[in-house]
Amino acid sequence: MAKRPALGKGMGALLSAATPETNGRFFLCAIEELKPHSNQPRKFFCDHKMDELVASIREKGVIQPLVVRRVDDHYQIIAGERRWRAAQKAGLTELPVTIQDVSEDWALEIALIENIQREDLNVIEEAIAYKYLIDNFELSQEAVAKRVGKSRSAVANTLRLLNLPESIQESVLNGQLSMGHARCLLSLDEHDDMVEVGSQIESKKLSVRAAEALVAKIKNFEKLEDEPKQKVVVDPQVQHLENILKKNLGTQVKIKAKNDGGKIEISYYNNEELQRILDYMNVV
């Protein structure tokens, strides 16, 4: 049986987890024998950064071997697709590789985690990667967070970006909208409003702060029209409790106090998110 790869520790762990037959052994592989994984998490490659890598490879070559596995008549790239693409542009005919004898699911999980750890993924690609790990490997958000070295709340907040309309996700993916813009748009209730504001952000090249002001104006329009302006006094203790609950639950929490009573509103964005909150609260 193939040795289970070490996850959550970066490229060093991947190389040290090589099988006995390949541990410490690298060889030059013909570039046409290498193929990327069809479900590789990284879909967007920045032209500017790719050009820099191509120039570096032309001058110094590919220093770090690609991690691959044997599939039928070719080698499938587990980690190193960007180097493979750049090497082709640089005119190389062969690349250094090391073989990992792992299954299909573990090969993809390694690729996902490696990309996330290297911060090579766009935030939408990262969210898709998290969702794939959760859906296909039956991992909880807590388990994913441990594997990629991030907090559970960070994973939960990133996953929320998948609630954006596809056109907005595409704009974030290609760099037209930042993560700050995306988080701002999530506060809107309607997808149509998200698309409209997103379009204005792009066309007017609004900063995140300007986008937040525009969103606030949309959300408060009816209230500003129908109600006199009132100064809202926030109890510091209530605000402190809200912040603690937000951090622990990894979602939006609102405490509405009234006299000696009140209510607590906890937001969730899908069934998996609801189940995670219930599990945290030990609700059967």
C-alpha atoms as a PDB file:
ATOM      1  CA  MET A   1       0.000   0.000   0.000  1.00  0.00           C
ATOM      2  CA  ALA A   2       1.275   3.499  -0.822  1.00  0.00           C
ATOM      3  CA  LYS A   3       2.422   5.592   2.080  1.00  0.00           C
ATOM      4  CA  ARG A   4      -0.138   8.180   3.153  1.00  0.00           C
ATOM      5  CA  PRO A   5       1.255  11.646   2.286  1.00  0.00           C
ATOM      6  CA  ALA A   6       1.999  14.192   4.972  1.00  0.00           C
ATOM      7  CA  LEU A   7      -0.472  17.055   4.684  1.00  0.00           C
ATOM      8  CA  GLY A   8      -0.619  20.557   6.071  1.00  0.00           C
ATOM      9  CA  LYS A   9       3.167  21.048   6.198  1.00  0.00           C
ATOM     10  CA  GLY A  10       4.064  22.338   2.742  1.00  0.00           C
ATOM     11  CA  MET A  11       6.390  21.121   0.007  1.00  0.00           C
ATOM     12  CA  GLY A  12       9.017  19.835   2.433  1.00  0.00           C
ATOM     13  CA  ALA A  13       6.523  17.368   3.855  1.00  0.00           C
ATOM     14  CA  LEU A  14       5.455  16.291   0.382  1.00  0.00           C
ATOM     15  CA  LEU A  15       9.017  15.503  -0.657  1.00  0.00           C
ATOM     16  CA  SER A  16       9.870  13.744   2.590  1.00  0.00           C
ATOM     17  CA  ALA A  17       6.751  11.608   2.225  1.00  0.00           C
ATOM     18  CA  ALA A  18       7.979  10.104  -1.051  1.00  0.00           C
ATOM     19  CA  THR A  19       7.770   6.334  -1.371  1.00  0.00           C
ATOM     20  CA  PRO A  20      10.942   4.306  -0.631  1.00  0.00           C
ATOM     21  CA  GLU A  21      11.436   3.698  -4.345  1.00  0.00           C
ATOM     22  CA  THR A  22      11.567   7.441  -5.133  1.00  0.00           C
ATOM     23  CA  ASN A  23      12.622   9.125  -1.882  1.00  0.00           C
ATOM     24  CA  GLY A  24      15.542  11.433  -2.604  1.00  0.00           C
ATOM     25  CA  ARG A  25      15.473  10.537  -6.318  1.00  0.00           C
ATOM     26  CA  PHE A  26      14.621  13.115  -8.950  1.00  0.00           C
ATOM     27  CA  PHE A  27      14.785  12.682 -12.675  1.00  0.00           C
ATOM     28  CA  LEU A  28      14.336  14.808 -15.767  1.00  0.00           C
ATOM     29  CA  CYS A  29      10.999  14.147 -17.430  1.00  0.00           C
ATOM     30  CA  ALA A  30      10.084  15.094 -21.000  1.00  0.00           C
ATOM     31  CA  ILE A  31       7.705  18.046 -20.770  1.00  0.00           C
ATOM     32  CA  GLU A  32       5.166  16.418 -23.102  1.00  0.00           C
ATOM     33  CA  GLU A  33       4.807  13.500 -20.662  1.00  0.00           C
ATOM     34  CA  LEU A  34       3.492  15.860 -17.959  1.00  0.00           C
ATOM     35  CA  LYS A  35      -0.173  16.782 -17.686  1.00  0.00           C
ATOM     36  CA  PRO A  36      -2.023  18.916 -15.077  1.00  0.00           C
ATOM     37  CA  HIS A  37      -4.796  17.483 -12.901  1.00  0.00           C
ATOM     38  CA  SER A  38      -8.206  18.139 -14.466  1.00  0.00           C
ATOM     39  CA  ASN A  39      -9.485  19.394 -11.090  1.00  0.00           C
ATOM     40  CA  GLN A  40      -6.458  21.546 -10.301  1.00  0.00           C
ATOM     41  CA  PRO A  41      -7.777  24.257  -7.931  1.00  0.00           C
ATOM     42  CA  ARG A  42      -5.857  27.063  -9.573  1.00  0.00           C
ATOM     43  CA  LYS A  43      -7.670  28.355 -12.668  1.00  0.00           C
ATOM     44  CA  PHE A  44      -6.332  31.901 -13.028  1.00  0.00           C
ATOM     45  CA  PHE A  45      -2.692  32.652 -13.780  1.00  0.00           C
ATOM     46  CA  CYS A  46      -1.562  36.298 -13.579  1.00  0.00           C
ATOM     47  CA  ASP A  47       0.148  37.242 -16.870  1.00  0.00           C
ATOM     48  CA  HIS A  48       2.590  39.621 -15.195  1.00  0.00           C
ATOM     49  CA  LYS A  49       3.733  37.108 -12.584  1.00  0.00           C
ATOM     50  CA  MET A  50       3.874  34.350 -15.177  1.00  0.00           C
ATOM     51  CA  ASP A  51       6.149  36.495 -17.371  1.00  0.00           C
ATOM     52  CA  GLU A  52       8.453  37.034 -14.390  1.00  0.00           C
ATOM     53  CA  LEU A  53       8.622  33.282 -13.763  1.00  0.00           C
ATOM     54  CA  VAL A  54       9.313  32.590 -17.450  1.00  0.00           C
ATOM     55  CA  ALA A  55      12.217  35.068 -17.372  1.00  0.00           C
ATOM     56  CA  SER A  56      13.592  33.464 -14.201  1.00  0.00           C
ATOM     57  CA  ILE A  57      13.370  29.961 -15.687  1.00  0.00           C
ATOM     58  CA  ARG A  58      15.135  31.062 -18.852  1.00  0.00           C
ATOM     59  CA  GLU A  59      17.991  32.413 -16.748  1.00  0.00           C
ATOM     60  CA  LYS A  60      18.245  29.799 -13.977  1.00  0.00           C
ATOM     61  CA  GLY A  61      16.058  26.882 -15.002  1.00  0.00           C
ATOM     62  CA  VAL A  62      13.537  25.085 -12.779  1.00  0.00           C
ATOM     63  CA  ILE A  63      15.214  24.620  -9.395  1.00  0.00           C
ATOM     64  CA  GLN A  64      12.431  22.908  -7.429  1.00  0.00           C
ATOM     65  CA  PRO A  65      11.174  19.568  -8.818  1.00  0.00           C
ATOM     66  CA  LEU A  66       7.515  19.127  -9.662  1.00  0.00           C
ATOM     67  CA  VAL A  67       5.610  16.551  -7.600  1.00  0.00           C
ATOM     68  CA  VAL A  68       3.841  14.069  -9.881  1.00  0.00           C
ATOM     69  CA  ARG A  69       2.170  10.660  -9.926  1.00  0.00           C
ATOM     70  CA  ARG A  70       2.083   8.072 -12.673  1.00  0.00           C
ATOM     71  CA  VAL A  71      -1.280   7.840 -14.476  1.00  0.00           C
ATOM     72  CA  ASP A  72      -1.552   5.503 -17.470  1.00  0.00           C
ATOM     73  CA  ASP A  73       0.874   6.780 -20.122  1.00  0.00           C
ATOM     74  CA  HIS A  74       1.789  10.117 -18.512  1.00  0.00           C
ATOM     75  CA  TYR A  75       2.761  11.826 -15.278  1.00  0.00           C
ATOM     76  CA  GLN A  76      -0.004  13.835 -13.599  1.00  0.00           C
ATOM     77  CA  ILE A  77       1.150  17.042 -11.899  1.00  0.00           C
ATOM     78  CA  ILE A  78       0.268  17.180  -8.207  1.00  0.00           C
ATOM     79  CA  ALA A  79       2.222  20.337  -7.378  1.00  0.00           C
ATOM     80  CA  GLY A  80       4.014  22.611  -9.848  1.00  0.00           C
ATOM     81  CA  GLU A  81       1.579  23.345 -12.689  1.00  0.00           C
ATOM     82  CA  ARG A  82       2.620  27.013 -12.783  1.00  0.00           C
ATOM     83  CA  ARG A  83       6.284  26.015 -13.252  1.00  0.00           C
ATOM     84  CA  TRP A  84       5.228  23.558 -15.964  1.00  0.00           C
ATOM     85  CA  ARG A  85       3.305  26.269 -17.840  1.00  0.00           C
ATOM     86  CA  ALA A  86       6.148  28.762 -17.521  1.00  0.00           C
ATOM     87  CA  ALA A  87       8.729  26.173 -18.617  1.00  0.00           C
ATOM     88  CA  GLN A  88       6.782  25.574 -21.827  1.00  0.00           C
ATOM     89  CA  LYS A  89       6.813  29.312 -22.563  1.00  0.00           C
ATOM     90  CA  ALA A  90      10.517  29.408 -21.770  1.00  0.00           C
ATOM     91  CA  GLY A  91      11.161  26.674 -24.333  1.00  0.00           C
ATOM     92  CA  LEU A  92      12.310  23.918 -21.965  1.00  0.00           C
ATOM     93  CA  THR A  93      11.935  20.334 -23.152  1.00  0.00           C
ATOM     94  CA  GLU A  94      12.279  18.532 -19.805  1.00  0.00           C
ATOM     95  CA  LEU A  95      11.702  19.242 -16.120  1.00  0.00           C
ATOM     96  CA  PRO A  96      12.916  17.769 -12.800  1.00  0.00           C
ATOM     97  CA  VAL A  97      10.194  15.707 -11.106  1.00  0.00           C
ATOM     98  CA  THR A  98       9.747  13.471  -8.073  1.00  0.00           C
ATOM     99  CA  ILE A  99       7.075  10.764  -7.993  1.00  0.00           C
ATOM    100  CA  GLN A 100       4.434  10.348  -5.296  1.00  0.00           C
ATOM    101  CA  ASP A 101       2.597   7.013  -5.254  1.00  0.00           C
ATOM    102  CA  VAL A 102      -0.769   8.301  -4.044  1.00  0.00           C
ATOM    103  CA  SER A 103      -4.426   7.779  -4.919  1.00  0.00           C
ATOM    104  CA  GLU A 104      -6.564  10.163  -6.960  1.00  0.00           C
ATOM    105  CA  ASP A 105      -8.265  11.750  -3.954  1.00  0.00           C
ATOM    106  CA  TRP A 106      -5.028  12.262  -2.031  1.00  0.00           C
ATOM    107  CA  ALA A 107      -3.325  13.723  -5.096  1.00  0.00           C
ATOM    108  CA  LEU A 108      -6.031  16.354  -5.381  1.00  0.00           C
ATOM    109  CA  GLU A 109      -6.041  17.103  -1.652  1.00  0.00           C
ATOM    110  CA  ILE A 110      -2.272  17.636  -1.719  1.00  0.00           C
ATOM    111  CA  ALA A 111      -2.667  20.008  -4.677  1.00  0.00           C
ATOM    112  CA  LEU A 112      -5.392  21.980  -2.897  1.00  0.00           C
ATOM    113  CA  ILE A 113      -3.500  22.341   0.346  1.00  0.00           C
ATOM    114  CA  GLU A 114      -0.188  23.126  -1.326  1.00  0.00           C
ATOM    115  CA  ASN A 115      -1.725  25.957  -3.365  1.00  0.00           C
ATOM    116  CA  ILE A 116      -3.476  27.405  -0.322  1.00  0.00           C
ATOM    117  CA  GLN A 117      -0.315  27.313   1.797  1.00  0.00           C
ATOM    118  CA  ARG A 118       1.697  29.025  -0.927  1.00  0.00           C
ATOM    119  CA  GLU A 119      -0.955  31.771  -1.175  1.00  0.00           C
ATOM    120  CA  ASP A 120      -1.042  31.117  -4.918  1.00  0.00           C
ATOM    121  CA  LEU A 121      -4.830  30.939  -5.044  1.00  0.00           C
ATOM    122  CA  ASN A 122      -7.226  33.776  -5.680  1.00  0.00           C
ATOM    123  CA  VAL A 123      -9.699  34.031  -2.790  1.00  0.00           C
ATOM    124  CA  ILE A 124     -12.502  32.557  -4.951  1.00  0.00           C
ATOM    125  CA  GLU A 125     -10.268  29.644  -5.952  1.00  0.00           C
ATOM    126  CA  GLU A 126      -9.469  29.238  -2.267  1.00  0.00           C
ATOM    127  CA  ALA A 127     -13.174  29.157  -1.376  1.00  0.00           C
ATOM    128  CA  ILE A 128     -13.838  26.576  -4.096  1.00  0.00           C
ATOM    129  CA  ALA A 129     -10.910  24.509  -2.789  1.00  0.00           C
ATOM    130  CA  TYR A 130     -12.284  24.592   0.763  1.00  0.00           C
ATOM    131  CA  LYS A 131     -15.722  23.540  -0.478  1.00  0.00           C
ATOM    132  CA  TYR A 132     -14.215  20.695  -2.494  1.00  0.00           C
ATOM    133  CA  LEU A 133     -12.337  19.427   0.567  1.00  0.00           C
ATOM    134  CA  ILE A 134     -15.518  19.588   2.655  1.00  0.00           C
ATOM    135  CA  ASP A 135     -17.809  18.002   0.045  1.00  0.00           C
ATOM    136  CA  ASN A 136     -15.483  15.315  -1.328  1.00  0.00           C
ATOM    137  CA  PHE A 137     -13.379  14.356   1.702  1.00  0.00           C
ATOM    138  CA  GLU A 138     -16.142  14.724   4.309  1.00  0.00           C
ATOM    139  CA  LEU A 139     -14.124  17.261   6.277  1.00  0.00           C
ATOM    140  CA  SER A 140     -15.579  19.830   8.653  1.00  0.00           C
ATOM    141  CA  GLN A 141     -14.611  23.491   8.441  1.00  0.00           C
ATOM    142  CA  GLU A 142     -12.570  22.943  11.602  1.00  0.00           C
ATOM    143  CA  ALA A 143     -10.672  20.047   9.979  1.00  0.00           C
ATOM    144  CA  VAL A 144      -9.985  22.073   6.826  1.00  0.00           C
ATOM    145  CA  ALA A 145      -8.741  24.981   8.931  1.00  0.00           C
ATOM    146  CA  LYS A 146      -6.278  22.723  10.765  1.00  0.00           C
ATOM    147  CA  ARG A 147      -4.960  21.258   7.515  1.00  0.00           C
ATOM    148  CA  VAL A 148      -4.261  24.618   5.905  1.00  0.00           C
ATOM    149  CA  GLY A 149      -3.095  26.367   9.070  1.00  0.00           C
ATOM    150  CA  LYS A 150      -5.877  28.954   9.292  1.00  0.00           C
ATOM    151  CA  SER A 151      -8.617  29.728  11.799  1.00  0.00           C
ATOM    152  CA  ARG A 152     -12.031  28.171  11.348  1.00  0.00           C
ATOM    153  CA  SER A 153     -13.611  31.618  11.134  1.00  0.00           C
ATOM    154  CA  ALA A 154     -11.228  32.532   8.276  1.00  0.00           C
ATOM    155  CA  VAL A 155     -12.298  29.398   6.384  1.00  0.00           C
ATOM    156  CA  ALA A 156     -15.987  30.117   7.088  1.00  0.00           C
ATOM    157  CA  ASN A 157     -15.698  33.731   5.916  1.00  0.00           C
ATOM    158  CA  THR A 158     -13.918  32.667   2.738  1.00  0.00           C
ATOM    159  CA  LEU A 159     -16.621  30.077   1.991  1.00  0.00           C
ATOM    160  CA  ARG A 160     -19.254  32.815   2.285  1.00  0.00           C
ATOM    161  CA  LEU A 161     -17.865  34.349  -0.924  1.00  0.00           C
ATOM    162  CA  LEU A 162     -19.452  31.475  -2.841  1.00  0.00           C
ATOM    163  CA  ASN A 163     -22.844  33.025  -1.986  1.00  0.00           C
ATOM    164  CA  LEU A 164     -22.014  35.868  -4.381  1.00  0.00           C
ATOM    165  CA  PRO A 165     -23.525  35.837  -7.894  1.00  0.00           C
ATOM    166  CA  GLU A 166     -21.354  34.023 -10.441  1.00  0.00           C
ATOM    167  CA  SER A 167     -20.596  37.263 -12.320  1.00  0.00           C
ATOM    168  CA  ILE A 168     -19.227  38.832  -9.122  1.00  0.00           C
ATOM    169  CA  GLN A 169     -17.169  35.719  -8.360  1.00  0.00           C
ATOM    170  CA  GLU A 170     -15.716  35.948 -11.868  1.00  0.00           C
ATOM    171  CA  SER A 171     -14.763  39.604 -11.316  1.00  0.00           C
ATOM    172  CA  VAL A 172     -13.010  38.691  -8.060  1.00  0.00           C
ATOM    173  CA  LEU A 173     -11.300  35.784  -9.782  1.00  0.00           C
ATOM    174  CA  ASN A 174      -9.841  37.954 -12.546  1.00  0.00           C
ATOM    175  CA  GLY A 175      -8.823  40.738 -10.166  1.00  0.00           C
ATOM    176  CA  GLN A 176     -11.395  43.375 -11.166  1.00  0.00           C
ATOM    177  CA  LEU A 177     -12.860  43.270  -7.641  1.00  0.00           C
ATOM    178  CA  SER A 178     -10.882  42.743  -4.434  1.00  0.00           C
ATOM    179  CA  MET A 179     -11.786  40.571  -1.483  1.00  0.00           C
ATOM    180  CA  GLY A 180     -12.688  43.779   0.387  1.00  0.00           C
ATOM    181  CA  HIS A 181     -15.177  44.636  -2.352  1.00  0.00           C
ATOM    182  CA  ALA A 182     -16.568  41.098  -2.249  1.00  0.00           C
ATOM    183  CA  ARG A 183     -17.120  41.152   1.503  1.00  0.00           C
ATOM    184  CA  CYS A 184     -18.824  44.526   1.146  1.00  0.00           C
ATOM    185  CA  LEU A 185     -21.224  43.161  -1.489  1.00  0.00           C
ATOM    186  CA  LEU A 186     -22.119  40.200   0.746  1.00  0.00           C
ATOM    187  CA  SER A 187     -23.870  42.574   3.125  1.00  0.00           C
ATOM    188  CA  LEU A 188     -26.538  43.243   0.475  1.00  0.00           C
ATOM    189  CA  ASP A 189     -29.632  41.043   0.588  1.00  0.00           C
ATOM    190  CA  GLU A 190     -30.455  40.800  -3.116  1.00  0.00           C
ATOM    191  CA  HIS A 191     -28.266  39.326  -5.875  1.00  0.00           C
ATOM    192  CA  ASP A 192     -29.489  41.996  -8.294  1.00  0.00           C
ATOM    193  CA  ASP A 193     -28.202  44.695  -5.948  1.00  0.00           C
ATOM    194  CA  MET A 194     -24.865  42.886  -5.649  1.00  0.00           C
ATOM    195  CA  VAL A 195     -24.496  42.769  -9.443  1.00  0.00           C
ATOM    196  CA  GLU A 196     -25.502  46.421  -9.844  1.00  0.00           C
ATOM    197  CA  VAL A 197     -23.133  47.693  -7.165  1.00  0.00           C
ATOM    198  CA  GLY A 198     -20.366  45.421  -8.408  1.00  0.00           C
ATOM    199  CA  SER A 199     -20.754  46.918 -11.868  1.00  0.00           C
ATOM    200  CA  GLN A 200     -20.520  50.435 -10.450  1.00  0.00           C
ATOM    201  CA  ILE A 201     -17.411  49.532  -8.449  1.00  0.00           C
ATOM    202  CA  GLU A 202     -15.718  48.270 -11.612  1.00  0.00           C
ATOM    203  CA  SER A 203     -16.792  51.092 -13.937  1.00  0.00           C
ATOM    204  CA  LYS A 204     -16.036  53.876 -11.447  1.00  0.00           C
ATOM    205  CA  LYS A 205     -12.986  52.092  -9.969  1.00  0.00           C
ATOM    206  CA  LEU A 206     -14.332  52.659  -6.450  1.00  0.00           C
ATOM    207  CA  SER A 207     -12.170  51.977  -3.421  1.00  0.00           C
ATOM    208  CA  VAL A 208     -13.407  49.549  -0.786  1.00  0.00           C
ATOM    209  CA  ARG A 209     -14.339  52.468   1.472  1.00  0.00           C
ATOM    210  CA  ALA A 210     -16.327  54.144  -1.316  1.00  0.00           C
ATOM    211  CA  ALA A 211     -18.038  50.831  -2.069  1.00  0.00           C
ATOM    212  CA  GLU A 212     -18.969  50.430   1.599  1.00  0.00           C
ATOM    213  CA  ALA A 213     -20.509  53.910   1.565  1.00  0.00           C
ATOM    214  CA  LEU A 214     -22.528  53.050  -1.537  1.00  0.00           C
ATOM    215  CA  VAL A 215     -23.770  49.797   0.003  1.00  0.00           C
ATOM    216  CA  ALA A 216     -24.715  51.586   3.221  1.00  0.00           C
ATOM    217  CA  LYS A 217     -26.658  54.150   1.215  1.00  0.00           C
ATOM    218  CA  ILE A 218     -28.623  51.407  -0.561  1.00  0.00           C
ATOM    219  CA  LYS A 219     -29.360  49.515   2.656  1.00  0.00           C
ATOM    220  CA  ASN A 220     -30.463  52.594   4.559  1.00  0.00           C
ATOM    221  CA  PHE A 221     -32.336  54.375   1.759  1.00  0.00           C
ATOM    222  CA  GLU A 222     -35.874  53.560   2.894  1.00  0.00           C
ATOM    223  CA  LYS A 223     -35.018  54.097   6.518  1.00  0.00           C
ATOM    224  CA  LEU A 224     -33.541  57.505   5.775  1.00  0.00           C
ATOM    225  CA  GLU A 225     -36.669  58.423   3.777  1.00  0.00           C
ATOM    226  CA  ASP A 226     -39.260  57.243   6.305  1.00  0.00           C
ATOM    227  CA  GLU A 227     -37.683  57.796   9.705  1.00  0.00           C
ATOM    228  CA  PRO A 228     -36.133  60.816  11.395  1.00  0.00           C
ATOM    229  CA  LYS A 229     -32.453  60.529  12.060  1.00  0.00           C
ATOM    230  CA  GLN A 230     -31.758  59.087  15.461  1.00  0.00           C
ATOM    231  CA  LYS A 231     -28.498  58.651  17.214  1.00  0.00           C
ATOM    232  CA  VAL A 232     -27.981  54.985  18.001  1.00  0.00           C
ATOM    233  CA  VAL A 233     -26.297  54.347  21.323  1.00  0.00           C
ATOM    234  CA  VAL A 234     -24.475  51.022  21.403  1.00  0.00           C
ATOM    235  CA  ASP A 235     -23.918  49.409  24.788  1.00  0.00           C
ATOM    236  CA  PRO A 236     -20.166  48.598  24.937  1.00  0.00           C
ATOM    237  CA  GLN A 237     -20.850  45.386  26.872  1.00  0.00           C
ATOM    238  CA  VAL A 238     -23.363  44.211  24.259  1.00  0.00           C
ATOM    239  CA  GLN A 239     -20.898  45.049  21.478  1.00  0.00           C
ATOM    240  CA  HIS A 240     -18.174  43.119  23.302  1.00  0.00           C
ATOM    241  CA  LEU A 241     -20.410  40.048  23.620  1.00  0.00           C
ATOM    242  CA  GLU A 242     -21.344  40.279  19.933  1.00  0.00           C
ATOM    243  CA  ASN A 243     -17.667  40.293  18.963  1.00  0.00           C
ATOM    244  CA  ILE A 244     -16.953  37.230  21.119  1.00  0.00           C
ATOM    245  CA  LEU A 245     -19.870  35.303  19.608  1.00  0.00           C
ATOM    246  CA  LYS A 246     -18.881  36.292  16.053  1.00  0.00           C
ATOM    247  CA  LYS A 247     -15.347  35.023  16.628  1.00  0.00           C
ATOM    248  CA  ASN A 248     -16.398  31.751  18.236  1.00  0.00           C
ATOM    249  CA  LEU A 249     -19.238  30.932  15.852  1.00  0.00           C
ATOM    250  CA  GLY A 250     -17.502  32.226  12.715  1.00  0.00           C
ATOM    251  CA  THR A 251     -20.607  34.058  11.481  1.00  0.00           C
ATOM    252  CA  GLN A 252     -22.620  37.245  11.953  1.00  0.00           C
ATOM    253  CA  VAL A 253     -24.278  37.626  15.372  1.00  0.00           C
ATOM    254  CA  LYS A 254     -26.587  40.442  16.511  1.00  0.00           C
ATOM    255  CA  ILE A 255     -27.708  40.995  20.104  1.00  0.00           C
ATOM    256  CA  LYS A 256     -30.857  43.093  20.409  1.00  0.00           C
ATOM    257  CA  ALA A 257     -31.348  44.122  24.029  1.00  0.00           C
ATOM    258  CA  LYS A 258     -34.633  45.565  25.279  1.00  0.00           C
ATOM    259  CA  ASN A 259     -35.238  46.419  28.921  1.00  0.00           C
ATOM    260  CA  ASP A 260     -34.265  43.271  30.864  1.00  0.00           C
ATOM    261  CA  GLY A 261     -34.702  40.957  27.874  1.00  0.00           C
ATOM    262  CA  GLY A 262     -33.914  40.824  24.178  1.00  0.00           C
ATOM    263  CA  LYS A 263     -32.883  38.359  21.506  1.00  0.00           C
ATOM    264  CA  ILE A 264     -29.779  36.991  19.781  1.00  0.00           C
ATOM    265  CA  GLU A 265     -29.761  36.629  15.992  1.00  0.00           C
ATOM    266  CA  ILE A 266     -27.249  34.146  14.511  1.00  0.00           C
ATOM    267  CA  SER A 267     -26.824  34.158  10.731  1.00  0.00           C
ATOM    268  CA  TYR A 268     -26.054  31.075   8.632  1.00  0.00           C
ATOM    269  CA  TYR A 269     -25.686  30.783   4.864  1.00  0.00           C
ATOM    270  CA  ASN A 270     -26.283  27.120   4.055  1.00  0.00           C
ATOM    271  CA  ASN A 271     -27.270  23.845   5.735  1.00  0.00           C
ATOM    272  CA  GLU A 272     -23.654  22.871   6.408  1.00  0.00           C
ATOM    273  CA  GLU A 273     -23.064  26.187   8.158  1.00  0.00           C
ATOM    274  CA  LEU A 274     -26.201  25.654  10.289  1.00  0.00           C
ATOM    275  CA  GLN A 275     -25.104  22.148  11.263  1.00  0.00           C
ATOM    276  CA  ARG A 276     -21.637  23.412  12.209  1.00  0.00           C
ATOM    277  CA  ILE A 277     -23.167  26.046  14.509  1.00  0.00           C
ATOM    278  CA  LEU A 278     -25.513  23.504  16.094  1.00  0.00           C
ATOM    279  CA  ASP A 279     -22.616  21.125  16.659  1.00  0.00           C
ATOM    280  CA  TYR A 280     -20.616  23.891  18.303  1.00  0.00           C
ATOM    281  CA  MET A 281     -23.544  24.662  20.600  1.00  0.00           C
ATOM    282  CA  ASN A 282     -24.055  20.946  21.356  1.00  0.00           C
ATOM    283  CA  VAL A 283     -27.603  21.082  20.054  1.00  0.00           C
ATOM    284  CA  VAL A 284     -28.914  17.616  19.164  1.00  0.00           C
END
